N, C-alpha and C. Protein backbone atom coordinates (compact mmCIF):
# COMPACT_ATOMS: atom_id res chain seq x y z
N MET A 1 24.91 34.41 -7.73
CA MET A 1 25.32 34.58 -6.52
C MET A 1 24.55 34.88 -5.42
N LEU A 2 23.97 36.12 -5.92
CA LEU A 2 22.92 36.75 -4.92
C LEU A 2 21.75 35.82 -4.93
N HIS A 3 21.18 35.38 -6.19
CA HIS A 3 20.25 34.32 -5.95
C HIS A 3 20.24 33.37 -5.04
N LYS A 4 21.34 32.52 -4.85
CA LYS A 4 21.66 31.73 -4.04
C LYS A 4 21.56 31.95 -2.40
N LEU A 5 22.22 33.30 -2.18
CA LEU A 5 22.26 33.73 -1.05
C LEU A 5 20.39 33.89 -0.85
N VAL A 6 19.85 34.25 -1.45
CA VAL A 6 18.08 34.46 -1.28
C VAL A 6 17.59 33.24 -1.23
N THR A 7 17.65 32.44 -1.97
CA THR A 7 16.84 31.37 -1.70
C THR A 7 17.43 30.16 -0.72
N PHE A 8 18.49 30.18 -0.70
CA PHE A 8 18.84 29.07 0.31
C PHE A 8 18.41 28.96 1.65
N PRO A 9 17.56 29.98 2.36
CA PRO A 9 16.81 29.49 3.57
C PRO A 9 15.68 28.81 3.28
N ILE A 10 15.07 29.42 2.17
CA ILE A 10 13.64 28.91 1.40
C ILE A 10 13.95 27.31 0.81
N ASP A 11 15.11 26.90 0.38
CA ASP A 11 15.46 25.60 -0.10
C ASP A 11 15.57 24.74 1.18
N MET A 12 16.26 25.14 2.43
CA MET A 12 16.49 24.36 3.32
C MET A 12 15.28 24.37 3.81
N VAL A 13 13.97 24.98 3.88
CA VAL A 13 13.25 24.88 4.70
C VAL A 13 12.13 23.70 3.84
N ILE A 14 12.22 23.84 2.59
CA ILE A 14 11.54 22.82 1.58
C ILE A 14 12.09 21.87 1.92
N LYS A 15 13.55 21.26 2.01
CA LYS A 15 14.16 19.92 2.54
C LYS A 15 13.80 19.46 3.74
N VAL A 16 13.43 20.70 4.45
CA VAL A 16 13.67 20.03 5.82
C VAL A 16 11.87 19.48 6.00
N GLY A 17 11.45 20.11 5.38
CA GLY A 17 9.82 19.78 5.26
C GLY A 17 9.41 18.48 4.36
N GLU A 18 10.24 18.20 3.51
CA GLU A 18 10.43 17.07 2.92
C GLU A 18 10.87 15.98 3.44
N LYS A 19 11.86 15.88 4.35
CA LYS A 19 12.11 15.12 5.33
C LYS A 19 11.29 14.61 6.12
N VAL A 20 10.59 15.80 6.77
CA VAL A 20 9.71 15.27 8.03
C VAL A 20 8.89 14.78 7.25
N LYS A 21 7.95 14.74 6.29
CA LYS A 21 6.82 14.33 5.49
C LYS A 21 7.29 12.72 5.30
N GLU A 22 8.70 12.72 4.99
CA GLU A 22 9.03 11.03 4.18
C GLU A 22 9.06 10.18 5.40
N GLU A 23 9.44 11.26 6.53
CA GLU A 23 9.62 10.21 8.13
C GLU A 23 8.31 10.22 8.59
N ALA A 24 7.25 10.45 8.67
CA ALA A 24 5.87 10.89 9.02
C ALA A 24 5.18 9.80 8.30
N ASP A 25 5.43 9.69 6.80
CA ASP A 25 4.58 8.59 6.19
C ASP A 25 5.35 7.26 6.56
N LYS A 26 6.47 7.44 6.78
CA LYS A 26 7.09 6.15 6.75
C LYS A 26 6.60 5.58 8.18
N GLU A 27 6.46 6.34 8.91
CA GLU A 27 6.12 6.26 10.46
C GLU A 27 4.40 5.60 10.30
N LEU A 28 3.48 6.17 9.38
CA LEU A 28 2.16 5.99 9.14
C LEU A 28 1.69 4.97 8.48
N TYR A 29 2.77 4.66 7.22
CA TYR A 29 2.45 3.83 6.17
C TYR A 29 3.39 2.74 5.95
N ASP A 30 4.23 2.40 6.84
CA ASP A 30 5.42 1.61 6.27
C ASP A 30 4.87 0.23 7.09
N LEU A 31 4.56 -0.85 5.80
CA LEU A 31 4.15 -1.92 6.33
C LEU A 31 4.81 -2.52 7.52
N PRO A 32 6.17 -2.55 7.61
CA PRO A 32 6.45 -3.58 8.68
C PRO A 32 6.58 -2.89 9.98
N THR A 33 6.48 -1.34 9.88
CA THR A 33 6.25 -0.72 11.43
C THR A 33 4.76 -1.27 11.87
N ILE A 34 4.14 -0.97 11.06
CA ILE A 34 2.55 -1.03 10.99
C ILE A 34 2.45 -2.45 11.90
N GLN A 35 2.78 -3.80 11.14
CA GLN A 35 2.86 -5.07 11.67
C GLN A 35 3.39 -5.18 13.04
N GLN A 36 4.48 -4.52 13.08
CA GLN A 36 5.35 -4.54 14.52
C GLN A 36 4.40 -3.82 15.30
N LYS A 37 3.68 -2.81 15.05
CA LYS A 37 3.06 -2.31 16.34
C LYS A 37 1.92 -3.17 16.42
N LEU A 38 1.16 -3.64 15.54
CA LEU A 38 0.17 -4.88 15.59
C LEU A 38 0.40 -5.72 17.00
N ILE A 39 1.35 -6.33 16.37
CA ILE A 39 2.28 -7.44 17.47
C ILE A 39 2.26 -6.95 18.89
N GLN A 40 3.00 -5.59 19.21
CA GLN A 40 3.18 -5.28 20.29
C GLN A 40 1.67 -4.87 20.72
N LEU A 41 0.84 -4.24 20.30
CA LEU A 41 -0.83 -4.12 20.90
C LEU A 41 -1.16 -5.42 21.18
N GLN A 42 -1.29 -6.48 20.29
CA GLN A 42 -1.83 -7.57 20.83
C GLN A 42 -0.99 -8.27 21.80
N MET A 43 -0.03 -8.29 22.31
CA MET A 43 0.80 -8.56 23.47
C MET A 43 0.41 -7.73 24.14
N MET A 44 0.36 -6.17 24.33
CA MET A 44 -0.35 -5.47 25.39
C MET A 44 -1.53 -6.03 25.71
N TYR A 45 -2.59 -6.43 24.97
CA TYR A 45 -3.50 -6.61 25.40
C TYR A 45 -3.61 -8.02 26.15
N GLU A 46 -2.89 -9.21 25.55
CA GLU A 46 -2.84 -10.30 26.09
C GLU A 46 -2.13 -10.16 27.75
N LEU A 47 -1.30 -9.22 27.68
CA LEU A 47 -0.71 -9.23 29.37
C LEU A 47 -1.78 -8.33 30.29
N GLU A 48 -2.62 -8.04 29.53
CA GLU A 48 -3.99 -7.03 30.29
C GLU A 48 -3.20 -5.89 30.64
N GLU A 49 -2.23 -5.32 29.61
CA GLU A 49 -1.87 -3.92 30.06
C GLU A 49 -2.93 -2.94 29.47
N ILE A 50 -3.68 -3.65 28.54
CA ILE A 50 -4.29 -2.15 28.26
C ILE A 50 -6.10 -2.93 28.25
N PRO A 51 -6.99 -2.22 28.39
CA PRO A 51 -8.32 -2.82 28.43
C PRO A 51 -8.74 -3.31 27.02
N GLU A 52 -9.41 -3.85 26.71
CA GLU A 52 -10.27 -4.45 25.27
C GLU A 52 -10.82 -3.17 24.59
N ASP A 53 -10.95 -2.21 25.21
CA ASP A 53 -12.15 -1.19 24.14
C ASP A 53 -10.63 -0.06 23.61
N VAL A 54 -9.55 -0.16 24.15
CA VAL A 54 -8.47 0.62 23.92
C VAL A 54 -7.96 -0.45 22.87
N TYR A 55 -7.76 -1.38 23.06
CA TYR A 55 -6.80 -2.61 21.91
C TYR A 55 -7.96 -2.44 21.02
N LYS A 56 -9.01 -2.78 20.81
CA LYS A 56 -10.01 -2.60 19.42
C LYS A 56 -10.02 -1.26 18.69
N ASP A 57 -9.89 -0.17 19.91
CA ASP A 57 -9.62 1.09 18.74
C ASP A 57 -8.63 1.22 17.89
N LYS A 58 -7.42 1.00 19.13
CA LYS A 58 -5.95 0.71 18.40
C LYS A 58 -5.84 -0.11 17.08
N GLU A 59 -6.56 -1.15 17.33
CA GLU A 59 -5.96 -2.36 16.45
C GLU A 59 -7.25 -1.83 15.20
N GLU A 60 -7.93 -1.26 15.06
CA GLU A 60 -8.96 -0.62 14.07
C GLU A 60 -7.96 0.51 13.14
N GLU A 61 -7.62 1.12 14.34
CA GLU A 61 -6.67 2.20 13.33
C GLU A 61 -5.28 1.68 12.55
N LEU A 62 -4.60 0.74 13.31
CA LEU A 62 -3.41 0.11 12.79
C LEU A 62 -3.76 -0.54 11.36
N ILE A 63 -5.12 -1.32 11.42
CA ILE A 63 -5.19 -2.20 10.12
C ILE A 63 -5.75 -0.96 9.02
N THR A 64 -6.59 -0.01 9.21
CA THR A 64 -6.57 1.20 8.53
C THR A 64 -5.79 1.21 7.96
N ARG A 65 -4.54 1.81 8.46
CA ARG A 65 -3.20 2.55 7.92
C ARG A 65 -2.57 1.18 7.09
N TYR A 66 -2.79 -0.13 7.87
CA TYR A 66 -2.31 -1.01 6.90
C TYR A 66 -2.81 -1.22 5.40
N GLU A 67 -4.35 -1.11 5.20
CA GLU A 67 -4.63 -1.14 4.44
C GLU A 67 -4.43 0.02 3.12
N ILE A 68 -4.22 0.93 3.74
CA ILE A 68 -3.62 2.29 3.04
C ILE A 68 -2.19 2.29 2.66
N ALA A 69 -1.47 1.80 3.25
CA ALA A 69 -0.17 1.33 2.80
C ALA A 69 -0.12 0.31 1.87
N LYS A 70 -0.79 -0.63 2.05
CA LYS A 70 -0.97 -1.72 0.82
C LYS A 70 -1.40 -1.36 -0.02
N ARG A 71 -2.05 -0.50 -0.08
CA ARG A 71 -2.80 -0.06 -1.49
C ARG A 71 -1.75 1.01 -2.16
N ARG A 72 -1.25 1.73 -1.33
CA ARG A 72 -0.26 2.62 -1.91
C ARG A 72 0.74 1.86 -2.63
N GLU A 73 1.21 0.53 -1.72
CA GLU A 73 2.25 -0.25 -2.13
C GLU A 73 1.98 -0.80 -3.71
N MET A 74 0.77 -0.90 -3.92
CA MET A 74 0.32 -1.38 -4.97
C MET A 74 0.09 -0.70 -6.40
N GLU A 75 0.05 0.52 -5.91
CA GLU A 75 0.04 2.03 -6.92
C GLU A 75 1.45 1.64 -7.32
N GLN A 76 2.12 1.69 -6.32
CA GLN A 76 3.50 1.89 -6.79
C GLN A 76 4.19 0.91 -7.97
N TRP A 77 3.59 -0.11 -7.56
CA TRP A 77 4.28 -1.38 -8.52
C TRP A 77 3.46 -1.17 -9.77
N GLU A 78 1.75 -0.71 -9.66
CA GLU A 78 1.56 -0.72 -11.11
C GLU A 78 2.42 0.48 -12.01
N GLU A 79 2.52 1.34 -11.13
CA GLU A 79 3.58 2.62 -11.76
C GLU A 79 4.75 2.10 -12.47
N MET A 80 5.65 1.50 -11.66
CA MET A 80 6.77 0.95 -11.80
C MET A 80 6.49 -0.13 -13.13
N THR A 81 5.75 -0.83 -13.33
CA THR A 81 5.44 -1.70 -14.48
C THR A 81 5.17 -1.15 -15.53
N LYS A 82 4.24 0.09 -15.53
CA LYS A 82 3.88 0.81 -16.60
C LYS A 82 5.19 1.54 -17.27
N LYS A 83 6.17 1.91 -16.50
CA LYS A 83 7.50 2.79 -16.79
C LYS A 83 8.06 1.51 -17.82
N LYS A 84 8.14 0.45 -17.26
CA LYS A 84 9.12 -0.42 -18.21
C LYS A 84 8.42 -1.10 -19.47
N GLU A 85 7.02 -0.73 -19.44
CA GLU A 85 6.39 -1.32 -20.93
C GLU A 85 6.87 0.00 -21.69
């Protein structure tokens, strides 16, 4: 009982930290989210809401994140197929 009272605050901090990391990863490396942001970025550029240099910088960043996300997805698929064998 005493152990639970002592470790509870630490356990909660760890759980909150894991949730924050999960949400950050989703925002940074979720393929549909990145695709949506690319579409929004292109629309903003076409409507002349942002200059070309801003568009190109942001596009490059999003494409890099997309490539990382795609690589992570492939690694997860490889891990899942190895487990099934």
